[in-house]
Amino acid sequence: MEDRKHIHDFVHRLWQSPELRARFEADAGAVLAEQGFAEAECALLLDGEFPALGELGMHPLAQMVYSLARNPQIADQISFGDYLEDLE
């Protein structure tokens, strides 16, 4: 399995840094390029949909964090409640 640490580290920085999120919102492509992502990785990250992030090898929890960092309003559409029944 390819090492995806650089992707998860970026997602963590994106979540933790309001400045990075603001720059990402203004020009996501430039921020991804400066992070050293490969062209294919950039394309999947810019797509941002869950299937693309899964193809990238991003952990499902990191996918959620990345989606929230890109679009905080997505919180209205994401719920753990749907999964609670499966845990019982």
N, C-alpha and C. Protein backbone atom coordinates (compact mmCIF):
# COMPACT_ATOMS: atom_id res chain seq x y z
N MET A 1 0.84 -1.19 0.00
CA MET A 1 0.00 0.00 0.00
C MET A 1 0.88 1.25 0.00
N GLU A 2 0.55 2.16 -0.88
CA GLU A 2 1.33 3.39 -0.95
C GLU A 2 1.16 4.20 0.33
N ASP A 3 2.23 4.90 0.67
CA ASP A 3 2.18 5.76 1.85
C ASP A 3 1.31 6.98 1.55
N ARG A 4 0.31 7.18 2.34
CA ARG A 4 -0.61 8.32 2.18
C ARG A 4 -0.44 9.33 3.31
N LYS A 5 0.67 9.22 4.04
CA LYS A 5 0.89 10.11 5.17
C LYS A 5 0.89 11.57 4.73
N HIS A 6 1.49 11.87 3.57
CA HIS A 6 1.55 13.26 3.12
C HIS A 6 0.15 13.82 2.87
N ILE A 7 -0.76 12.98 2.43
CA ILE A 7 -2.14 13.41 2.20
C ILE A 7 -2.83 13.69 3.52
N HIS A 8 -2.70 12.76 4.45
CA HIS A 8 -3.35 12.92 5.75
C HIS A 8 -2.74 14.09 6.53
N ASP A 9 -1.42 14.29 6.40
CA ASP A 9 -0.79 15.43 7.06
C ASP A 9 -1.34 16.75 6.50
N PHE A 10 -1.53 16.80 5.18
CA PHE A 10 -2.09 18.00 4.57
C PHE A 10 -3.51 18.25 5.08
N VAL A 11 -4.32 17.22 5.12
CA VAL A 11 -5.70 17.37 5.61
C VAL A 11 -5.69 17.91 7.04
N HIS A 12 -4.79 17.40 7.86
CA HIS A 12 -4.69 17.88 9.24
C HIS A 12 -4.31 19.36 9.27
N ARG A 13 -3.30 19.74 8.47
CA ARG A 13 -2.90 21.16 8.42
C ARG A 13 -4.04 22.03 7.91
N LEU A 14 -4.75 21.55 6.90
CA LEU A 14 -5.86 22.31 6.34
C LEU A 14 -6.94 22.55 7.40
N TRP A 15 -7.21 21.55 8.20
CA TRP A 15 -8.23 21.65 9.24
C TRP A 15 -7.78 22.58 10.35
N GLN A 16 -6.49 22.53 10.70
CA GLN A 16 -5.97 23.27 11.85
C GLN A 16 -5.63 24.73 11.54
N SER A 17 -5.44 25.06 10.28
CA SER A 17 -4.94 26.39 9.93
C SER A 17 -5.99 27.21 9.17
N PRO A 18 -6.58 28.20 9.83
CA PRO A 18 -7.53 29.06 9.13
C PRO A 18 -6.88 29.78 7.94
N GLU A 19 -5.60 30.14 8.09
CA GLU A 19 -4.91 30.82 7.00
C GLU A 19 -4.77 29.91 5.78
N LEU A 20 -4.41 28.66 6.01
CA LEU A 20 -4.27 27.71 4.91
C LEU A 20 -5.63 27.46 4.26
N ARG A 21 -6.68 27.32 5.07
CA ARG A 21 -8.02 27.13 4.51
C ARG A 21 -8.45 28.32 3.66
N ALA A 22 -8.13 29.53 4.11
CA ALA A 22 -8.49 30.73 3.34
C ALA A 22 -7.74 30.75 2.01
N ARG A 23 -6.47 30.40 2.03
CA ARG A 23 -5.70 30.35 0.78
C ARG A 23 -6.22 29.24 -0.12
N PHE A 24 -6.59 28.10 0.48
CA PHE A 24 -7.13 26.98 -0.27
C PHE A 24 -8.45 27.36 -0.92
N GLU A 25 -9.28 28.07 -0.19
CA GLU A 25 -10.57 28.52 -0.73
C GLU A 25 -10.36 29.48 -1.91
N ALA A 26 -9.35 30.33 -1.80
CA ALA A 26 -9.07 31.31 -2.85
C ALA A 26 -8.45 30.68 -4.09
N ASP A 27 -7.56 29.70 -3.89
CA ASP A 27 -6.87 29.07 -5.03
C ASP A 27 -6.37 27.69 -4.63
N ALA A 28 -7.29 26.73 -4.63
CA ALA A 28 -6.96 25.37 -4.19
C ALA A 28 -5.83 24.77 -5.01
N GLY A 29 -5.85 24.98 -6.31
CA GLY A 29 -4.81 24.40 -7.17
C GLY A 29 -3.42 24.87 -6.80
N ALA A 30 -3.28 26.15 -6.50
CA ALA A 30 -1.98 26.69 -6.12
C ALA A 30 -1.50 26.11 -4.79
N VAL A 31 -2.41 25.99 -3.83
CA VAL A 31 -2.05 25.43 -2.53
C VAL A 31 -1.62 23.97 -2.68
N LEU A 32 -2.36 23.20 -3.48
CA LEU A 32 -1.99 21.80 -3.68
C LEU A 32 -0.65 21.69 -4.38
N ALA A 33 -0.40 22.56 -5.35
CA ALA A 33 0.88 22.53 -6.07
C ALA A 33 2.04 22.83 -5.13
N GLU A 34 1.87 23.78 -4.25
CA GLU A 34 2.96 24.13 -3.33
C GLU A 34 3.19 23.04 -2.29
N GLN A 35 2.20 22.18 -2.08
CA GLN A 35 2.34 21.06 -1.14
C GLN A 35 3.11 19.90 -1.76
N GLY A 36 3.34 19.96 -3.07
CA GLY A 36 4.12 18.92 -3.74
C GLY A 36 3.33 17.70 -4.16
N PHE A 37 2.02 17.82 -4.26
CA PHE A 37 1.21 16.69 -4.70
C PHE A 37 1.44 16.42 -6.19
N ALA A 38 1.37 15.15 -6.55
CA ALA A 38 1.45 14.76 -7.95
C ALA A 38 0.21 15.27 -8.68
N GLU A 39 0.32 15.39 -9.99
CA GLU A 39 -0.79 15.90 -10.80
C GLU A 39 -2.07 15.08 -10.59
N ALA A 40 -1.93 13.76 -10.55
CA ALA A 40 -3.10 12.90 -10.36
C ALA A 40 -3.71 13.11 -8.98
N GLU A 41 -2.87 13.28 -7.96
CA GLU A 41 -3.37 13.54 -6.61
C GLU A 41 -4.12 14.88 -6.57
N CYS A 42 -3.54 15.90 -7.22
CA CYS A 42 -4.20 17.21 -7.27
C CYS A 42 -5.58 17.10 -7.90
N ALA A 43 -5.66 16.36 -9.00
CA ALA A 43 -6.94 16.22 -9.69
C ALA A 43 -7.99 15.59 -8.78
N LEU A 44 -7.60 14.56 -8.05
CA LEU A 44 -8.55 13.90 -7.15
C LEU A 44 -8.93 14.79 -5.97
N LEU A 45 -7.95 15.51 -5.43
CA LEU A 45 -8.25 16.43 -4.33
C LEU A 45 -9.13 17.58 -4.79
N LEU A 46 -8.90 18.08 -5.98
CA LEU A 46 -9.73 19.16 -6.51
C LEU A 46 -11.15 18.68 -6.80
N ASP A 47 -11.27 17.42 -7.24
CA ASP A 47 -12.59 16.84 -7.44
C ASP A 47 -13.34 16.87 -6.11
N GLY A 48 -12.69 16.36 -5.06
CA GLY A 48 -13.21 16.45 -3.71
C GLY A 48 -14.38 15.56 -3.35
N GLU A 49 -14.94 14.85 -4.31
CA GLU A 49 -16.06 13.95 -4.01
C GLU A 49 -15.53 12.72 -3.29
N PHE A 50 -16.37 12.09 -2.48
CA PHE A 50 -15.92 10.95 -1.69
C PHE A 50 -15.34 9.82 -2.54
N PRO A 51 -15.90 9.47 -3.70
CA PRO A 51 -15.27 8.42 -4.52
C PRO A 51 -13.85 8.80 -4.96
N ALA A 52 -13.63 10.07 -5.30
CA ALA A 52 -12.30 10.51 -5.71
C ALA A 52 -11.33 10.44 -4.54
N LEU A 53 -11.78 10.86 -3.37
CA LEU A 53 -10.91 10.81 -2.19
C LEU A 53 -10.60 9.37 -1.81
N GLY A 54 -11.57 8.48 -1.98
CA GLY A 54 -11.33 7.05 -1.74
C GLY A 54 -10.32 6.49 -2.72
N GLU A 55 -10.42 6.89 -3.97
CA GLU A 55 -9.46 6.45 -4.98
C GLU A 55 -8.06 6.92 -4.63
N LEU A 56 -7.99 8.07 -4.00
CA LEU A 56 -6.72 8.63 -3.57
C LEU A 56 -6.11 7.83 -2.42
N GLY A 57 -6.95 7.06 -1.75
CA GLY A 57 -6.49 6.28 -0.61
C GLY A 57 -6.65 7.01 0.71
N MET A 58 -7.44 8.07 0.69
CA MET A 58 -7.65 8.85 1.90
C MET A 58 -8.57 8.09 2.86
N HIS A 59 -8.19 8.06 4.12
CA HIS A 59 -8.99 7.41 5.15
C HIS A 59 -10.37 8.06 5.20
N PRO A 60 -11.44 7.28 5.43
CA PRO A 60 -12.79 7.85 5.46
C PRO A 60 -12.97 9.01 6.44
N LEU A 61 -12.33 8.94 7.60
CA LEU A 61 -12.46 10.06 8.54
C LEU A 61 -11.74 11.30 8.01
N ALA A 62 -10.61 11.10 7.35
CA ALA A 62 -9.91 12.23 6.73
C ALA A 62 -10.74 12.81 5.58
N GLN A 63 -11.47 11.94 4.88
CA GLN A 63 -12.35 12.43 3.81
C GLN A 63 -13.39 13.38 4.39
N MET A 64 -13.94 13.03 5.54
CA MET A 64 -14.95 13.88 6.16
C MET A 64 -14.34 15.21 6.58
N VAL A 65 -13.17 15.16 7.20
CA VAL A 65 -12.50 16.38 7.64
C VAL A 65 -12.16 17.26 6.44
N TYR A 66 -11.64 16.65 5.37
CA TYR A 66 -11.30 17.39 4.16
C TYR A 66 -12.55 18.05 3.58
N SER A 67 -13.63 17.31 3.52
CA SER A 67 -14.88 17.85 2.98
C SER A 67 -15.38 19.02 3.83
N LEU A 68 -15.29 18.89 5.14
CA LEU A 68 -15.71 19.98 6.03
C LEU A 68 -14.81 21.20 5.90
N ALA A 69 -13.51 20.98 5.72
CA ALA A 69 -12.58 22.09 5.55
C ALA A 69 -12.85 22.83 4.24
N ARG A 70 -13.19 22.08 3.21
CA ARG A 70 -13.49 22.68 1.90
C ARG A 70 -14.83 23.40 1.91
N ASN A 71 -15.80 22.84 2.62
CA ASN A 71 -17.16 23.36 2.58
C ASN A 71 -17.83 23.12 3.93
N PRO A 72 -17.69 24.07 4.87
CA PRO A 72 -18.25 23.87 6.21
C PRO A 72 -19.75 23.58 6.22
N GLN A 73 -20.47 24.03 5.21
CA GLN A 73 -21.91 23.80 5.15
C GLN A 73 -22.26 22.33 4.95
N ILE A 74 -21.28 21.54 4.56
CA ILE A 74 -21.55 20.11 4.37
C ILE A 74 -21.90 19.44 5.70
N ALA A 75 -21.58 20.10 6.81
CA ALA A 75 -21.91 19.55 8.13
C ALA A 75 -23.41 19.31 8.26
N ASP A 76 -24.19 20.09 7.54
CA ASP A 76 -25.64 19.90 7.58
C ASP A 76 -26.08 18.61 6.90
N GLN A 77 -25.18 18.02 6.10
CA GLN A 77 -25.51 16.82 5.33
C GLN A 77 -24.86 15.56 5.87
N ILE A 78 -23.95 15.72 6.83
CA ILE A 78 -23.19 14.58 7.36
C ILE A 78 -23.68 14.28 8.77
N SER A 79 -23.95 13.01 9.03
CA SER A 79 -24.40 12.60 10.35
C SER A 79 -23.87 11.21 10.67
N PHE A 80 -23.47 11.05 11.91
CA PHE A 80 -23.08 9.72 12.37
C PHE A 80 -24.31 8.92 12.78
N GLY A 81 -25.43 9.60 12.93
CA GLY A 81 -26.66 8.96 13.38
C GLY A 81 -27.06 7.78 12.52
N ASP A 82 -26.83 7.88 11.22
CA ASP A 82 -27.19 6.79 10.31
C ASP A 82 -26.43 5.51 10.61
N TYR A 83 -25.26 5.64 11.24
CA TYR A 83 -24.42 4.47 11.48
C TYR A 83 -24.62 3.87 12.86
N LEU A 84 -25.30 4.59 13.74
CA LEU A 84 -25.47 4.10 15.10
C LEU A 84 -26.24 2.79 15.16
N GLU A 85 -27.23 2.64 14.30
CA GLU A 85 -28.01 1.39 14.28
C GLU A 85 -27.12 0.20 13.97
N ASP A 86 -26.11 0.40 13.12
CA ASP A 86 -25.21 -0.69 12.75
C ASP A 86 -24.32 -1.12 13.91
N LEU A 87 -24.12 -0.22 14.86
CA LEU A 87 -23.26 -0.53 16.00
C LEU A 87 -23.98 -1.30 17.09
N GLU A 88 -25.29 -1.27 17.06
CA GLU A 88 -26.05 -1.93 18.12
C GLU A 88 -26.20 -3.40 17.89
